[in-house]
Amino acid sequence: MDIKELAKKSKKELETVLKELRETLRQKKFQAAQGDLKTVREIRNLRKDIARILTRYNKHDHE
């Protein structure tokens, strides 16, 4: 996810994207535990995207 995309989103949109990414992360972790996930890097990328969204989300409180 691009930072410029996140800057354009409202707080409500960020909440929606955050929920979707957290659910995807949960599914990927489950797949990894079962051995079905081909690239574990997806989990790392999802966690980074979630962190980016949370950072932007918290900046909305201070603006």
N, C-alpha and C. Protein backbone atom coordinates (compact mmCIF):
# COMPACT_ATOMS: atom_id res chain seq x y z
N MET A 1 0.84 -1.17 0.00
CA MET A 1 0.00 0.00 0.00
C MET A 1 0.89 1.24 0.00
N ASP A 2 0.55 2.17 -0.83
CA ASP A 2 1.34 3.38 -0.99
C ASP A 2 0.94 4.43 0.05
N ILE A 3 1.91 5.15 0.56
CA ILE A 3 1.66 6.17 1.58
C ILE A 3 0.80 7.30 1.01
N LYS A 4 0.99 7.62 -0.25
CA LYS A 4 0.20 8.68 -0.88
C LYS A 4 -1.28 8.29 -0.93
N GLU A 5 -1.56 7.02 -1.14
CA GLU A 5 -2.94 6.54 -1.14
C GLU A 5 -3.56 6.73 0.24
N LEU A 6 -2.78 6.41 1.27
CA LEU A 6 -3.28 6.52 2.63
C LEU A 6 -3.57 7.96 3.02
N ALA A 7 -2.76 8.87 2.53
CA ALA A 7 -2.93 10.28 2.88
C ALA A 7 -4.26 10.83 2.34
N LYS A 8 -4.76 10.25 1.28
CA LYS A 8 -6.00 10.72 0.67
C LYS A 8 -7.25 10.16 1.36
N LYS A 9 -7.07 9.12 2.16
CA LYS A 9 -8.22 8.45 2.77
C LYS A 9 -8.66 9.14 4.06
N SER A 10 -9.95 9.07 4.31
CA SER A 10 -10.49 9.61 5.56
C SER A 10 -10.27 8.60 6.68
N LYS A 11 -10.55 9.03 7.89
CA LYS A 11 -10.36 8.15 9.05
C LYS A 11 -11.26 6.91 8.95
N LYS A 12 -12.47 7.10 8.48
CA LYS A 12 -13.42 5.99 8.35
C LYS A 12 -12.93 4.98 7.30
N GLU A 13 -12.40 5.48 6.20
CA GLU A 13 -11.86 4.59 5.15
C GLU A 13 -10.65 3.82 5.67
N LEU A 14 -9.82 4.48 6.47
CA LEU A 14 -8.66 3.81 7.04
C LEU A 14 -9.09 2.68 7.98
N GLU A 15 -10.15 2.91 8.74
CA GLU A 15 -10.67 1.86 9.63
C GLU A 15 -11.11 0.64 8.83
N THR A 16 -11.79 0.89 7.71
CA THR A 16 -12.27 -0.21 6.87
C THR A 16 -11.11 -1.01 6.29
N VAL A 17 -10.12 -0.31 5.76
CA VAL A 17 -8.96 -0.98 5.18
C VAL A 17 -8.21 -1.75 6.26
N LEU A 18 -8.12 -1.16 7.45
CA LEU A 18 -7.42 -1.81 8.56
C LEU A 18 -8.10 -3.12 8.94
N LYS A 19 -9.42 -3.12 9.01
CA LYS A 19 -10.16 -4.34 9.33
C LYS A 19 -9.91 -5.43 8.29
N GLU A 20 -9.93 -5.02 7.01
CA GLU A 20 -9.71 -5.98 5.92
C GLU A 20 -8.31 -6.59 6.00
N LEU A 21 -7.32 -5.74 6.23
CA LEU A 21 -5.94 -6.24 6.29
C LEU A 21 -5.72 -7.14 7.49
N ARG A 22 -6.33 -6.80 8.61
CA ARG A 22 -6.19 -7.65 9.80
C ARG A 22 -6.82 -9.02 9.58
N GLU A 23 -7.94 -9.06 8.89
CA GLU A 23 -8.59 -10.33 8.59
C GLU A 23 -7.72 -11.14 7.62
N THR A 24 -7.16 -10.48 6.61
CA THR A 24 -6.28 -11.15 5.66
C THR A 24 -5.05 -11.70 6.38
N LEU A 25 -4.49 -10.91 7.30
CA LEU A 25 -3.33 -11.36 8.07
C LEU A 25 -3.67 -12.60 8.89
N ARG A 26 -4.86 -12.59 9.51
CA ARG A 26 -5.29 -13.75 10.30
C ARG A 26 -5.36 -15.00 9.42
N GLN A 27 -5.91 -14.84 8.23
CA GLN A 27 -6.03 -15.98 7.31
C GLN A 27 -4.65 -16.47 6.87
N LYS A 28 -3.74 -15.55 6.57
CA LYS A 28 -2.40 -15.93 6.12
C LYS A 28 -1.64 -16.65 7.23
N LYS A 29 -1.81 -16.19 8.47
CA LYS A 29 -1.15 -16.87 9.60
C LYS A 29 -1.67 -18.28 9.75
N PHE A 30 -2.97 -18.45 9.56
CA PHE A 30 -3.57 -19.77 9.64
C PHE A 30 -3.04 -20.68 8.53
N GLN A 31 -2.93 -20.13 7.32
CA GLN A 31 -2.39 -20.90 6.20
C GLN A 31 -0.93 -21.29 6.46
N ALA A 32 -0.17 -20.37 7.03
CA ALA A 32 1.24 -20.64 7.32
C ALA A 32 1.36 -21.75 8.36
N ALA A 33 0.49 -21.75 9.33
CA ALA A 33 0.53 -22.78 10.37
C ALA A 33 0.20 -24.15 9.79
N GLN A 34 -0.65 -24.17 8.78
CA GLN A 34 -1.01 -25.43 8.14
C GLN A 34 0.02 -25.86 7.09
N GLY A 35 0.88 -24.94 6.72
CA GLY A 35 1.88 -25.25 5.70
C GLY A 35 1.39 -25.00 4.29
N ASP A 36 0.27 -24.32 4.15
CA ASP A 36 -0.31 -24.05 2.82
C ASP A 36 0.21 -22.77 2.18
N LEU A 37 0.86 -21.91 2.95
CA LEU A 37 1.31 -20.62 2.44
C LEU A 37 2.65 -20.79 1.74
N LYS A 38 2.72 -20.33 0.50
CA LYS A 38 3.95 -20.48 -0.28
C LYS A 38 5.01 -19.46 0.13
N THR A 39 4.61 -18.20 0.28
CA THR A 39 5.57 -17.16 0.64
C THR A 39 5.18 -16.52 1.96
N VAL A 40 6.01 -16.71 2.95
CA VAL A 40 5.76 -16.18 4.28
C VAL A 40 5.96 -14.66 4.28
N ARG A 41 6.63 -14.16 3.28
CA ARG A 41 6.88 -12.71 3.16
C ARG A 41 5.56 -11.92 3.13
N GLU A 42 4.49 -12.56 2.65
CA GLU A 42 3.19 -11.89 2.60
C GLU A 42 2.78 -11.42 4.00
N ILE A 43 3.06 -12.22 5.00
CA ILE A 43 2.72 -11.87 6.38
C ILE A 43 3.49 -10.63 6.80
N ARG A 44 4.76 -10.59 6.49
CA ARG A 44 5.58 -9.43 6.83
C ARG A 44 5.06 -8.16 6.15
N ASN A 45 4.71 -8.28 4.87
CA ASN A 45 4.20 -7.13 4.13
C ASN A 45 2.86 -6.64 4.69
N LEU A 46 2.01 -7.57 5.07
CA LEU A 46 0.73 -7.19 5.65
C LEU A 46 0.92 -6.46 6.97
N ARG A 47 1.85 -6.95 7.79
CA ARG A 47 2.12 -6.29 9.07
C ARG A 47 2.65 -4.88 8.87
N LYS A 48 3.48 -4.69 7.87
CA LYS A 48 4.00 -3.36 7.57
C LYS A 48 2.90 -2.43 7.07
N ASP A 49 2.01 -2.96 6.23
CA ASP A 49 0.89 -2.16 5.74
C ASP A 49 -0.02 -1.74 6.90
N ILE A 50 -0.27 -2.66 7.82
CA ILE A 50 -1.09 -2.36 8.98
C ILE A 50 -0.43 -1.25 9.81
N ALA A 51 0.88 -1.34 9.99
CA ALA A 51 1.60 -0.31 10.75
C ALA A 51 1.51 1.05 10.06
N ARG A 52 1.61 1.06 8.74
CA ARG A 52 1.49 2.32 8.00
C ARG A 52 0.10 2.94 8.19
N ILE A 53 -0.91 2.10 8.13
CA ILE A 53 -2.28 2.59 8.29
C ILE A 53 -2.48 3.12 9.70
N LEU A 54 -1.99 2.41 10.70
CA LEU A 54 -2.13 2.88 12.07
C LEU A 54 -1.41 4.20 12.30
N THR A 55 -0.26 4.36 11.68
CA THR A 55 0.47 5.61 11.80
C THR A 55 -0.34 6.75 11.21
N ARG A 56 -0.88 6.54 10.02
CA ARG A 56 -1.68 7.57 9.37
C ARG A 56 -2.97 7.82 10.15
N TYR A 57 -3.57 6.77 10.68
CA TYR A 57 -4.80 6.88 11.45
C TYR A 57 -4.57 7.75 12.69
N ASN A 58 -3.47 7.53 13.37
CA ASN A 58 -3.16 8.31 14.57
C ASN A 58 -2.81 9.75 14.24
N LYS A 59 -2.28 10.00 13.06
CA LYS A 59 -1.99 11.37 12.66
C LYS A 59 -3.27 12.17 12.44
N HIS A 60 -4.36 11.48 12.07
CA HIS A 60 -5.64 12.16 11.90
C HIS A 60 -6.10 12.77 13.23
N ASP A 61 -5.75 12.15 14.34
CA ASP A 61 -6.14 12.67 15.65
C ASP A 61 -5.42 13.98 15.97
N HIS A 62 -4.24 14.16 15.44
CA HIS A 62 -3.43 15.32 15.76
C HIS A 62 -3.54 16.46 14.74
N GLU A 63 -4.27 16.24 13.69
CA GLU A 63 -4.40 17.27 12.66
C GLU A 63 -5.62 18.12 12.89
